[in-house]
Amino acid sequence: MGEIILWKKVLRAKEFHGFQFNRQFIIGNFIVDFICRKLKLIIEIDGYSHYFKQEKDAERDRILSDMGYTVLRFTENEVRHNLDDVVSQLEKFVEEKIS
């Protein structure tokens, strides 16, 4: 549900500051929730199951980082109940990246 909310309200159709995001994108051996190749940004929305695979997620993030990407993780709860905060964090990343 969090992925759908973030996609529909923020990321689709270049609505987020004109940057193109792709959803469910294959990179290496992984499928990431969202990617903006121009910003070298991957966004992951972690549901309940991620509480039990933190080590695996950390290793995955390290591999993606080694490929030059920044991985930002948000919980399903954050997206559903604090979308404005999620958007603020994404905007901060963009501002730092393009300045």
N, C-alpha and C. Protein backbone atom coordinates (compact mmCIF):
# COMPACT_ATOMS: atom_id res chain seq x y z
N MET A 1 0.81 -1.20 0.00
CA MET A 1 0.00 0.00 0.00
C MET A 1 0.85 1.27 0.00
N GLY A 2 1.95 1.27 0.77
CA GLY A 2 2.83 2.43 0.83
C GLY A 2 3.44 2.76 -0.53
N GLU A 3 3.81 1.72 -1.26
CA GLU A 3 4.37 1.93 -2.60
C GLU A 3 3.36 2.63 -3.50
N ILE A 4 2.13 2.17 -3.45
CA ILE A 4 1.09 2.75 -4.30
C ILE A 4 0.85 4.22 -3.94
N ILE A 5 0.82 4.51 -2.66
CA ILE A 5 0.61 5.90 -2.22
C ILE A 5 1.74 6.78 -2.71
N LEU A 6 2.98 6.36 -2.48
CA LEU A 6 4.13 7.18 -2.90
C LEU A 6 4.14 7.36 -4.41
N TRP A 7 3.82 6.31 -5.14
CA TRP A 7 3.81 6.39 -6.59
C TRP A 7 2.73 7.35 -7.09
N LYS A 8 1.52 7.14 -6.63
CA LYS A 8 0.39 7.94 -7.15
C LYS A 8 0.44 9.40 -6.71
N LYS A 9 0.88 9.65 -5.49
CA LYS A 9 0.82 11.01 -4.96
C LYS A 9 2.11 11.81 -5.15
N VAL A 10 3.24 11.13 -5.44
CA VAL A 10 4.50 11.86 -5.45
C VAL A 10 5.37 11.61 -6.69
N LEU A 11 5.59 10.36 -7.05
CA LEU A 11 6.68 10.05 -7.98
C LEU A 11 6.31 9.86 -9.45
N ARG A 12 5.09 9.51 -9.75
CA ARG A 12 4.78 9.13 -11.13
C ARG A 12 4.76 10.35 -12.06
N ALA A 13 4.95 10.09 -13.34
CA ALA A 13 4.82 11.08 -14.41
C ALA A 13 5.69 12.32 -14.19
N LYS A 14 6.89 12.10 -13.69
CA LYS A 14 7.85 13.21 -13.47
C LYS A 14 7.27 14.31 -12.59
N GLU A 15 6.38 13.94 -11.68
CA GLU A 15 5.75 14.93 -10.82
C GLU A 15 6.66 15.40 -9.69
N PHE A 16 7.70 14.66 -9.38
CA PHE A 16 8.59 15.05 -8.28
C PHE A 16 9.77 15.84 -8.85
N HIS A 17 9.61 17.14 -8.88
CA HIS A 17 10.64 18.08 -9.34
C HIS A 17 11.15 17.75 -10.75
N GLY A 18 10.31 17.14 -11.55
CA GLY A 18 10.66 16.84 -12.93
C GLY A 18 11.53 15.62 -13.13
N PHE A 19 11.83 14.89 -12.07
CA PHE A 19 12.68 13.70 -12.18
C PHE A 19 11.84 12.47 -12.50
N GLN A 20 12.37 11.64 -13.38
CA GLN A 20 11.69 10.40 -13.75
C GLN A 20 12.06 9.29 -12.79
N PHE A 21 11.06 8.68 -12.23
CA PHE A 21 11.23 7.50 -11.38
C PHE A 21 10.59 6.31 -12.07
N ASN A 22 11.20 5.16 -11.89
CA ASN A 22 10.65 3.90 -12.37
C ASN A 22 10.29 3.07 -11.15
N ARG A 23 9.24 2.30 -11.30
CA ARG A 23 8.75 1.46 -10.21
C ARG A 23 9.05 0.00 -10.51
N GLN A 24 9.41 -0.76 -9.46
CA GLN A 24 9.72 -2.18 -9.60
C GLN A 24 10.75 -2.40 -10.70
N PHE A 25 11.91 -1.80 -10.52
CA PHE A 25 12.97 -1.77 -11.53
C PHE A 25 14.04 -2.79 -11.18
N ILE A 26 14.48 -3.54 -12.18
CA ILE A 26 15.53 -4.54 -11.98
C ILE A 26 16.89 -3.87 -12.11
N ILE A 27 17.71 -4.04 -11.10
CA ILE A 27 19.09 -3.55 -11.13
C ILE A 27 19.97 -4.63 -10.51
N GLY A 28 20.91 -5.12 -11.29
CA GLY A 28 21.72 -6.24 -10.82
C GLY A 28 20.82 -7.43 -10.54
N ASN A 29 20.99 -7.99 -9.35
CA ASN A 29 20.18 -9.14 -8.95
C ASN A 29 18.96 -8.76 -8.12
N PHE A 30 18.63 -7.48 -8.12
CA PHE A 30 17.57 -6.99 -7.24
C PHE A 30 16.44 -6.34 -8.03
N ILE A 31 15.29 -6.32 -7.42
CA ILE A 31 14.17 -5.50 -7.90
C ILE A 31 13.96 -4.44 -6.83
N VAL A 32 14.13 -3.18 -7.23
CA VAL A 32 13.97 -2.09 -6.26
C VAL A 32 12.57 -1.50 -6.41
N ASP A 33 12.08 -0.93 -5.31
CA ASP A 33 10.74 -0.36 -5.34
C ASP A 33 10.68 0.82 -6.31
N PHE A 34 11.60 1.77 -6.16
CA PHE A 34 11.65 2.95 -7.04
C PHE A 34 13.10 3.30 -7.31
N ILE A 35 13.35 3.82 -8.52
CA ILE A 35 14.69 4.27 -8.87
C ILE A 35 14.59 5.52 -9.72
N CYS A 36 15.49 6.45 -9.44
CA CYS A 36 15.71 7.59 -10.32
C CYS A 36 17.16 7.49 -10.75
N ARG A 37 17.37 7.07 -11.98
CA ARG A 37 18.74 6.85 -12.45
C ARG A 37 19.52 8.15 -12.55
N LYS A 38 18.86 9.24 -12.89
CA LYS A 38 19.55 10.53 -13.00
C LYS A 38 20.11 10.98 -11.65
N LEU A 39 19.34 10.75 -10.58
CA LEU A 39 19.79 11.13 -9.24
C LEU A 39 20.61 10.03 -8.56
N LYS A 40 20.67 8.85 -9.19
CA LYS A 40 21.33 7.68 -8.59
C LYS A 40 20.69 7.39 -7.22
N LEU A 41 19.34 7.41 -7.21
CA LEU A 41 18.57 7.25 -5.98
C LEU A 41 17.65 6.05 -6.09
N ILE A 42 17.68 5.24 -5.05
CA ILE A 42 16.75 4.12 -4.91
C ILE A 42 15.93 4.36 -3.65
N ILE A 43 14.63 4.18 -3.77
CA ILE A 43 13.73 4.33 -2.63
C ILE A 43 13.10 2.97 -2.36
N GLU A 44 13.22 2.53 -1.12
CA GLU A 44 12.62 1.27 -0.70
C GLU A 44 11.55 1.55 0.36
N ILE A 45 10.41 0.91 0.22
CA ILE A 45 9.34 1.00 1.19
C ILE A 45 9.28 -0.35 1.92
N ASP A 46 9.59 -0.31 3.19
CA ASP A 46 9.70 -1.54 3.98
C ASP A 46 8.42 -1.84 4.73
N GLY A 47 7.84 -2.96 4.41
CA GLY A 47 6.68 -3.45 5.13
C GLY A 47 7.10 -4.31 6.31
N TYR A 48 6.15 -4.98 6.87
CA TYR A 48 6.36 -5.77 8.07
C TYR A 48 7.47 -6.81 7.92
N SER A 49 7.57 -7.46 6.78
CA SER A 49 8.55 -8.54 6.60
C SER A 49 9.99 -8.06 6.73
N HIS A 50 10.22 -6.78 6.51
CA HIS A 50 11.59 -6.26 6.57
C HIS A 50 12.14 -6.20 8.00
N TYR A 51 11.26 -6.28 8.99
CA TYR A 51 11.73 -6.32 10.38
C TYR A 51 12.55 -7.57 10.64
N PHE A 52 12.35 -8.60 9.83
CA PHE A 52 13.01 -9.87 10.04
C PHE A 52 14.18 -10.11 9.09
N LYS A 53 14.47 -9.15 8.24
CA LYS A 53 15.59 -9.32 7.31
C LYS A 53 16.45 -8.07 7.21
N GLN A 54 16.73 -7.46 8.36
CA GLN A 54 17.52 -6.24 8.38
C GLN A 54 18.95 -6.46 7.90
N GLU A 55 19.55 -7.59 8.26
CA GLU A 55 20.91 -7.88 7.81
C GLU A 55 20.95 -8.05 6.29
N LYS A 56 19.98 -8.75 5.76
CA LYS A 56 19.90 -8.95 4.31
C LYS A 56 19.70 -7.62 3.59
N ASP A 57 18.83 -6.77 4.14
CA ASP A 57 18.60 -5.44 3.55
C ASP A 57 19.86 -4.59 3.60
N ALA A 58 20.60 -4.67 4.72
CA ALA A 58 21.84 -3.90 4.85
C ALA A 58 22.87 -4.34 3.81
N GLU A 59 22.97 -5.63 3.58
CA GLU A 59 23.90 -6.15 2.56
C GLU A 59 23.47 -5.70 1.17
N ARG A 60 22.20 -5.76 0.91
CA ARG A 60 21.65 -5.30 -0.38
C ARG A 60 21.94 -3.82 -0.59
N ASP A 61 21.73 -3.01 0.46
CA ASP A 61 22.01 -1.58 0.37
C ASP A 61 23.49 -1.33 0.10
N ARG A 62 24.36 -2.12 0.72
CA ARG A 62 25.80 -1.96 0.50
C ARG A 62 26.16 -2.25 -0.96
N ILE A 63 25.59 -3.30 -1.50
CA ILE A 63 25.87 -3.65 -2.90
C ILE A 63 25.38 -2.55 -3.83
N LEU A 64 24.18 -2.06 -3.59
CA LEU A 64 23.64 -0.98 -4.42
C LEU A 64 24.46 0.30 -4.26
N SER A 65 24.93 0.56 -3.06
CA SER A 65 25.80 1.71 -2.81
C SER A 65 27.11 1.57 -3.58
N ASP A 66 27.65 0.37 -3.59
CA ASP A 66 28.88 0.11 -4.35
C ASP A 66 28.67 0.34 -5.85
N MET A 67 27.42 0.25 -6.29
CA MET A 67 27.09 0.51 -7.70
C MET A 67 26.86 2.01 -7.93
N GLY A 68 27.00 2.82 -6.87
CA GLY A 68 26.89 4.26 -7.02
C GLY A 68 25.55 4.85 -6.63
N TYR A 69 24.66 4.03 -6.07
CA TYR A 69 23.33 4.50 -5.71
C TYR A 69 23.24 4.83 -4.23
N THR A 70 22.38 5.78 -3.92
CA THR A 70 21.98 6.05 -2.54
C THR A 70 20.64 5.37 -2.34
N VAL A 71 20.52 4.63 -1.24
CA VAL A 71 19.27 3.94 -0.93
C VAL A 71 18.63 4.64 0.26
N LEU A 72 17.42 5.12 0.05
CA LEU A 72 16.63 5.69 1.14
C LEU A 72 15.51 4.72 1.46
N ARG A 73 15.39 4.38 2.72
CA ARG A 73 14.36 3.44 3.16
C ARG A 73 13.34 4.16 4.03
N PHE A 74 12.09 3.86 3.76
CA PHE A 74 10.98 4.37 4.56
C PHE A 74 10.10 3.19 4.92
N THR A 75 9.48 3.28 6.07
CA THR A 75 8.56 2.20 6.44
C THR A 75 7.21 2.46 5.80
N GLU A 76 6.48 1.40 5.69
CA GLU A 76 5.10 1.48 5.19
C GLU A 76 4.31 2.48 6.03
N ASN A 77 4.51 2.43 7.33
CA ASN A 77 3.82 3.31 8.26
C ASN A 77 4.16 4.79 7.99
N GLU A 78 5.44 5.07 7.74
CA GLU A 78 5.83 6.45 7.45
C GLU A 78 5.11 6.99 6.22
N VAL A 79 5.06 6.18 5.18
CA VAL A 79 4.42 6.63 3.94
C VAL A 79 2.92 6.81 4.15
N ARG A 80 2.31 5.90 4.86
CA ARG A 80 0.85 5.98 5.04
C ARG A 80 0.41 7.09 5.99
N HIS A 81 1.24 7.39 7.00
CA HIS A 81 0.79 8.31 8.04
C HIS A 81 1.59 9.61 8.13
N ASN A 82 2.75 9.67 7.47
CA ASN A 82 3.60 10.87 7.50
C ASN A 82 4.17 11.16 6.12
N LEU A 83 3.33 11.13 5.11
CA LEU A 83 3.80 11.32 3.74
C LEU A 83 4.54 12.65 3.58
N ASP A 84 4.07 13.70 4.25
CA ASP A 84 4.75 15.00 4.15
C ASP A 84 6.20 14.92 4.61
N ASP A 85 6.45 14.16 5.68
CA ASP A 85 7.83 13.99 6.16
C ASP A 85 8.68 13.20 5.16
N VAL A 86 8.10 12.19 4.57
CA VAL A 86 8.81 11.42 3.55
C VAL A 86 9.18 12.33 2.38
N VAL A 87 8.23 13.10 1.92
CA VAL A 87 8.48 14.02 0.80
C VAL A 87 9.56 15.03 1.19
N SER A 88 9.53 15.54 2.42
CA SER A 88 10.55 16.49 2.87
C SER A 88 11.94 15.86 2.83
N GLN A 89 12.05 14.61 3.25
CA GLN A 89 13.35 13.93 3.21
C GLN A 89 13.81 13.73 1.77
N LEU A 90 12.90 13.40 0.89
CA LEU A 90 13.26 13.24 -0.52
C LEU A 90 13.68 14.58 -1.12
N GLU A 91 12.97 15.64 -0.78
CA GLU A 91 13.34 16.97 -1.29
C GLU A 91 14.71 17.40 -0.77
N LYS A 92 15.00 17.10 0.48
CA LYS A 92 16.32 17.42 1.04
C LYS A 92 17.41 16.69 0.26
N PHE A 93 17.18 15.42 -0.05
CA PHE A 93 18.15 14.66 -0.82
C PHE A 93 18.37 15.31 -2.18
N VAL A 94 17.30 15.67 -2.87
CA VAL A 94 17.40 16.28 -4.19
C VAL A 94 18.16 17.60 -4.11
N GLU A 95 17.83 18.43 -3.13
CA GLU A 95 18.51 19.71 -2.98
C GLU A 95 20.01 19.53 -2.79
N GLU A 96 20.40 18.57 -1.95
CA GLU A 96 21.82 18.31 -1.71
C GLU A 96 22.49 17.74 -2.95
N LYS A 97 21.78 16.93 -3.68
CA LYS A 97 22.34 16.26 -4.86
C LYS A 97 22.58 17.24 -6.01
N ILE A 98 21.66 18.18 -6.20
CA ILE A 98 21.78 19.06 -7.37
C ILE A 98 22.52 20.36 -7.06
N SER A 99 22.84 20.60 -5.80
CA SER A 99 23.56 21.84 -5.48
C SER A 99 25.06 21.63 -5.40
